[in-house]
């Protein structure tokens, strides 16, 4: 996975589908082109169909090379998988995809806490050793 960027944003003002998708894209700090692709991808994945780069090209009027580039970035981010020629959300639904991302983030933060504790202990230990030498 490349990176997961998450912005802390207040809740969306509106509860319609496009507003909620826009909010989620903003939380993930997706670029404008990525937002359009992600929204279409989410809608088709949740219905179980997925979408091809050609279908995205026709629907969004974005060059296919740009679409493929952005889809590959979203694969690196962990949002998207490719099955044959079709692209899908990683776990078929937004909820499942975000739940898996949550587990990945939790494991990484847990590991970071363990490393931070080791560093804290090392600093305290080496601080005591330096004082003893003088």
C-alpha atoms as a PDB file:
ATOM      1  CA  UNK A   1       0.000   0.000   0.000  1.00  0.00           C
ATOM      2  CA  UNK A   2       1.296   3.448  -0.869  1.00  0.00           C
ATOM      3  CA  UNK A   3      -0.333   5.637   1.754  1.00  0.00           C
ATOM      4  CA  UNK A   4      -3.695   6.310   3.311  1.00  0.00           C
ATOM      5  CA  UNK A   5      -4.473   9.969   3.824  1.00  0.00           C
ATOM      6  CA  UNK A   6      -7.378  10.844   6.061  1.00  0.00           C
ATOM      7  CA  UNK A   7      -8.547  14.364   6.847  1.00  0.00           C
ATOM      8  CA  UNK A   8     -10.590  15.105   9.933  1.00  0.00           C
ATOM      9  CA  UNK A   9     -13.683  16.861   8.573  1.00  0.00           C
ATOM     10  CA  UNK A  10     -16.982  17.759  10.173  1.00  0.00           C
ATOM     11  CA  UNK A  11     -20.000  15.717   9.155  1.00  0.00           C
ATOM     12  CA  UNK A  12     -21.519  16.426   5.736  1.00  0.00           C
ATOM     13  CA  UNK A  13     -24.278  19.036   5.616  1.00  0.00           C
ATOM     14  CA  UNK A  14     -26.512  16.948   3.395  1.00  0.00           C
ATOM     15  CA  UNK A  15     -27.422  13.273   3.457  1.00  0.00           C
ATOM     16  CA  UNK A  16     -27.945  12.747  -0.296  1.00  0.00           C
ATOM     17  CA  UNK A  17     -25.780  10.218  -2.154  1.00  0.00           C
ATOM     18  CA  UNK A  18     -23.554  12.715  -3.992  1.00  0.00           C
ATOM     19  CA  UNK A  19     -22.952  14.828  -0.872  1.00  0.00           C
ATOM     20  CA  UNK A  20     -21.979  11.763   1.144  1.00  0.00           C
ATOM     21  CA  UNK A  21     -19.662  10.500  -1.611  1.00  0.00           C
ATOM     22  CA  UNK A  22     -18.121  13.989  -1.963  1.00  0.00           C
ATOM     23  CA  UNK A  23     -17.534  14.087   1.795  1.00  0.00           C
ATOM     24  CA  UNK A  24     -15.898  10.651   1.811  1.00  0.00           C
ATOM     25  CA  UNK A  25     -13.651  11.626  -1.116  1.00  0.00           C
ATOM     26  CA  UNK A  26     -12.651  14.781   0.773  1.00  0.00           C
ATOM     27  CA  UNK A  27     -11.868  12.769   3.915  1.00  0.00           C
ATOM     28  CA  UNK A  28      -9.576  10.569   1.794  1.00  0.00           C
ATOM     29  CA  UNK A  29      -8.076  13.722   0.246  1.00  0.00           C
ATOM     30  CA  UNK A  30      -8.665  12.454  -3.290  1.00  0.00           C
ATOM     31  CA  UNK A  31      -7.786  14.692  -6.219  1.00  0.00           C
ATOM     32  CA  UNK A  32     -10.600  15.966  -8.465  1.00  0.00           C
ATOM     33  CA  UNK A  33     -10.102  13.303 -11.143  1.00  0.00           C
ATOM     34  CA  UNK A  34      -9.803  10.587  -8.488  1.00  0.00           C
ATOM     35  CA  UNK A  35     -13.053  11.772  -6.898  1.00  0.00           C
ATOM     36  CA  UNK A  36     -15.020  11.366 -10.118  1.00  0.00           C
ATOM     37  CA  UNK A  37     -13.528   7.928 -10.754  1.00  0.00           C
ATOM     38  CA  UNK A  38     -13.999   6.821  -7.136  1.00  0.00           C
ATOM     39  CA  UNK A  39     -17.665   7.847  -7.101  1.00  0.00           C
ATOM     40  CA  UNK A  40     -18.450   5.846 -10.251  1.00  0.00           C
ATOM     41  CA  UNK A  41     -16.398   2.927  -9.008  1.00  0.00           C
ATOM     42  CA  UNK A  42     -18.199   2.910  -5.655  1.00  0.00           C
ATOM     43  CA  UNK A  43     -21.647   2.942  -7.258  1.00  0.00           C
ATOM     44  CA  UNK A  44     -20.868   0.039  -9.601  1.00  0.00           C
ATOM     45  CA  UNK A  45     -18.933  -2.001  -7.021  1.00  0.00           C
ATOM     46  CA  UNK A  46     -21.715  -1.843  -4.478  1.00  0.00           C
ATOM     47  CA  UNK A  47     -24.056  -3.183  -7.158  1.00  0.00           C
ATOM     48  CA  UNK A  48     -21.551  -6.001  -7.771  1.00  0.00           C
ATOM     49  CA  UNK A  49     -20.734  -5.009 -11.374  1.00  0.00           C
ATOM     50  CA  UNK A  50     -17.449  -3.174 -11.150  1.00  0.00           C
ATOM     51  CA  UNK A  51     -16.438  -0.932 -14.034  1.00  0.00           C
ATOM     52  CA  UNK A  52     -13.890  -0.918 -16.862  1.00  0.00           C
ATOM     53  CA  UNK A  53     -11.545   1.927 -17.745  1.00  0.00           C
ATOM     54  CA  UNK A  54     -13.387   2.223 -21.072  1.00  0.00           C
ATOM     55  CA  UNK A  55     -16.748   2.644 -19.307  1.00  0.00           C
ATOM     56  CA  UNK A  56     -15.226   5.287 -17.044  1.00  0.00           C
ATOM     57  CA  UNK A  57     -13.761   7.035 -20.093  1.00  0.00           C
ATOM     58  CA  UNK A  58     -17.146   7.184 -21.817  1.00  0.00           C
ATOM     59  CA  UNK A  59     -19.028   8.229 -18.701  1.00  0.00           C
ATOM     60  CA  UNK A  60     -16.577  10.858 -17.413  1.00  0.00           C
ATOM     61  CA  UNK A  61     -14.886  12.062 -20.629  1.00  0.00           C
ATOM     62  CA  UNK A  62     -11.477  11.677 -18.990  1.00  0.00           C
ATOM     63  CA  UNK A  63      -8.631  10.281 -21.120  1.00  0.00           C
ATOM     64  CA  UNK A  64      -8.285   6.556 -20.610  1.00  0.00           C
ATOM     65  CA  UNK A  65      -4.588   6.858 -19.800  1.00  0.00           C
ATOM     66  CA  UNK A  66      -5.468   9.241 -16.942  1.00  0.00           C
ATOM     67  CA  UNK A  67      -8.175   6.886 -15.702  1.00  0.00           C
ATOM     68  CA  UNK A  68      -5.818   3.901 -15.701  1.00  0.00           C
ATOM     69  CA  UNK A  69      -3.111   5.939 -13.954  1.00  0.00           C
ATOM     70  CA  UNK A  70      -5.547   7.050 -11.240  1.00  0.00           C
ATOM     71  CA  UNK A  71      -7.006   3.550 -10.838  1.00  0.00           C
ATOM     72  CA  UNK A  72      -3.495   2.177 -10.351  1.00  0.00           C
ATOM     73  CA  UNK A  73      -2.866   4.816  -7.678  1.00  0.00           C
ATOM     74  CA  UNK A  74      -6.102   3.814  -5.946  1.00  0.00           C
ATOM     75  CA  UNK A  75      -4.966   0.187  -6.088  1.00  0.00           C
ATOM     76  CA  UNK A  76      -1.748   1.312  -4.361  1.00  0.00           C
ATOM     77  CA  UNK A  77      -3.817   3.183  -1.749  1.00  0.00           C
ATOM     78  CA  UNK A  78      -5.713  -0.027  -1.033  1.00  0.00           C
ATOM     79  CA  UNK A  79      -9.141   1.202  -2.197  1.00  0.00           C
ATOM     80  CA  UNK A  80      -9.411  -0.714  -5.449  1.00  0.00           C
ATOM     81  CA  UNK A  81      -8.772  -4.165  -6.907  1.00  0.00           C
ATOM     82  CA  UNK A  82      -8.841  -5.337 -10.510  1.00  0.00           C
ATOM     83  CA  UNK A  83     -10.578  -8.525 -11.629  1.00  0.00           C
ATOM     84  CA  UNK A  84     -10.039  -9.147 -15.315  1.00  0.00           C
ATOM     85  CA  UNK A  85     -10.789  -5.827 -17.011  1.00  0.00           C
ATOM     86  CA  UNK A  86     -13.129  -4.601 -14.265  1.00  0.00           C
ATOM     87  CA  UNK A  87     -12.240  -2.500 -11.264  1.00  0.00           C
ATOM     88  CA  UNK A  88     -13.971  -2.890  -7.900  1.00  0.00           C
ATOM     89  CA  UNK A  89     -13.758  -1.490  -4.413  1.00  0.00           C
ATOM     90  CA  UNK A  90     -11.330  -3.636  -2.463  1.00  0.00           C
ATOM     91  CA  UNK A  91     -13.973  -5.491  -0.456  1.00  0.00           C
ATOM     92  CA  UNK A  92     -17.061  -4.974  -2.575  1.00  0.00           C
ATOM     93  CA  UNK A  93     -18.572  -2.204  -0.474  1.00  0.00           C
ATOM     94  CA  UNK A  94     -17.423   1.052   1.037  1.00  0.00           C
ATOM     95  CA  UNK A  95     -18.130  -0.196   4.557  1.00  0.00           C
ATOM     96  CA  UNK A  96     -16.075  -3.376   4.118  1.00  0.00           C
ATOM     97  CA  UNK A  97     -13.230  -1.478   2.415  1.00  0.00           C
ATOM     98  CA  UNK A  98     -13.060   1.087   5.216  1.00  0.00           C
ATOM     99  CA  UNK A  99     -13.278  -1.626   7.891  1.00  0.00           C
ATOM    100  CA  UNK A 100     -10.233  -3.341   6.375  1.00  0.00           C
ATOM    101  CA  UNK A 101      -8.380  -0.019   6.170  1.00  0.00           C
ATOM    102  CA  UNK A 102      -9.238   0.550   9.837  1.00  0.00           C
ATOM    103  CA  UNK A 103      -7.649  -2.786  10.754  1.00  0.00           C
ATOM    104  CA  UNK A 104      -4.507  -1.937   8.785  1.00  0.00           C
ATOM    105  CA  UNK A 105      -4.260   1.490  10.431  1.00  0.00           C
ATOM    106  CA  UNK A 106      -4.886   0.005  13.889  1.00  0.00           C
ATOM    107  CA  UNK A 107      -2.118  -2.594  13.419  1.00  0.00           C
ATOM    108  CA  UNK A 108       0.306   0.084  12.210  1.00  0.00           C
ATOM    109  CA  UNK A 109      -0.484   2.410  15.125  1.00  0.00           C
ATOM    110  CA  UNK A 110      -0.157  -0.481  17.594  1.00  0.00           C
ATOM    111  CA  UNK A 111       3.285  -1.249  16.157  1.00  0.00           C
ATOM    112  CA  UNK A 112       4.215   2.446  16.305  1.00  0.00           C
ATOM    113  CA  UNK A 113       3.218   2.543  20.001  1.00  0.00           C
ATOM    114  CA  UNK A 114       5.469  -0.433  20.751  1.00  0.00           C
ATOM    115  CA  UNK A 115       8.401   1.207  18.959  1.00  0.00           C
ATOM    116  CA  UNK A 116       7.721   4.516  20.725  1.00  0.00           C
ATOM    117  CA  UNK A 117       7.764   2.743  24.100  1.00  0.00           C
ATOM    118  CA  UNK A 118      11.126   1.127  23.232  1.00  0.00           C
ATOM    119  CA  UNK A 119      12.531   4.520  22.237  1.00  0.00           C
ATOM    120  CA  UNK A 120      11.246   6.113  25.457  1.00  0.00           C
ATOM    121  CA  UNK A 121      12.849   3.332  27.513  1.00  0.00           C
ATOM    122  CA  UNK A 122      16.133   3.637  25.603  1.00  0.00           C
ATOM    123  CA  UNK A 123      16.273   7.396  26.134  1.00  0.00           C
ATOM    124  CA  UNK A 124      15.654   6.975  29.866  1.00  0.00           C
ATOM    125  CA  UNK A 125      18.234   4.165  30.106  1.00  0.00           C
ATOM    126  CA  UNK A 126      20.915   6.010  28.131  1.00  0.00           C
ATOM    127  CA  UNK A 127      20.213   9.163  30.115  1.00  0.00           C
ATOM    128  CA  UNK A 128      20.920   7.269  33.366  1.00  0.00           C
ATOM    129  CA  UNK A 129      24.085   5.727  31.911  1.00  0.00           C
ATOM    130  CA  UNK A 130      25.445   9.141  30.863  1.00  0.00           C
ATOM    131  CA  UNK A 131      24.859  10.577  34.355  1.00  0.00           C
ATOM    132  CA  UNK A 132      26.685   7.635  35.969  1.00  0.00           C
ATOM    133  CA  UNK A 133      29.770   8.171  33.809  1.00  0.00           C
ATOM    134  CA  UNK A 134      30.294  11.753  35.008  1.00  0.00           C
END
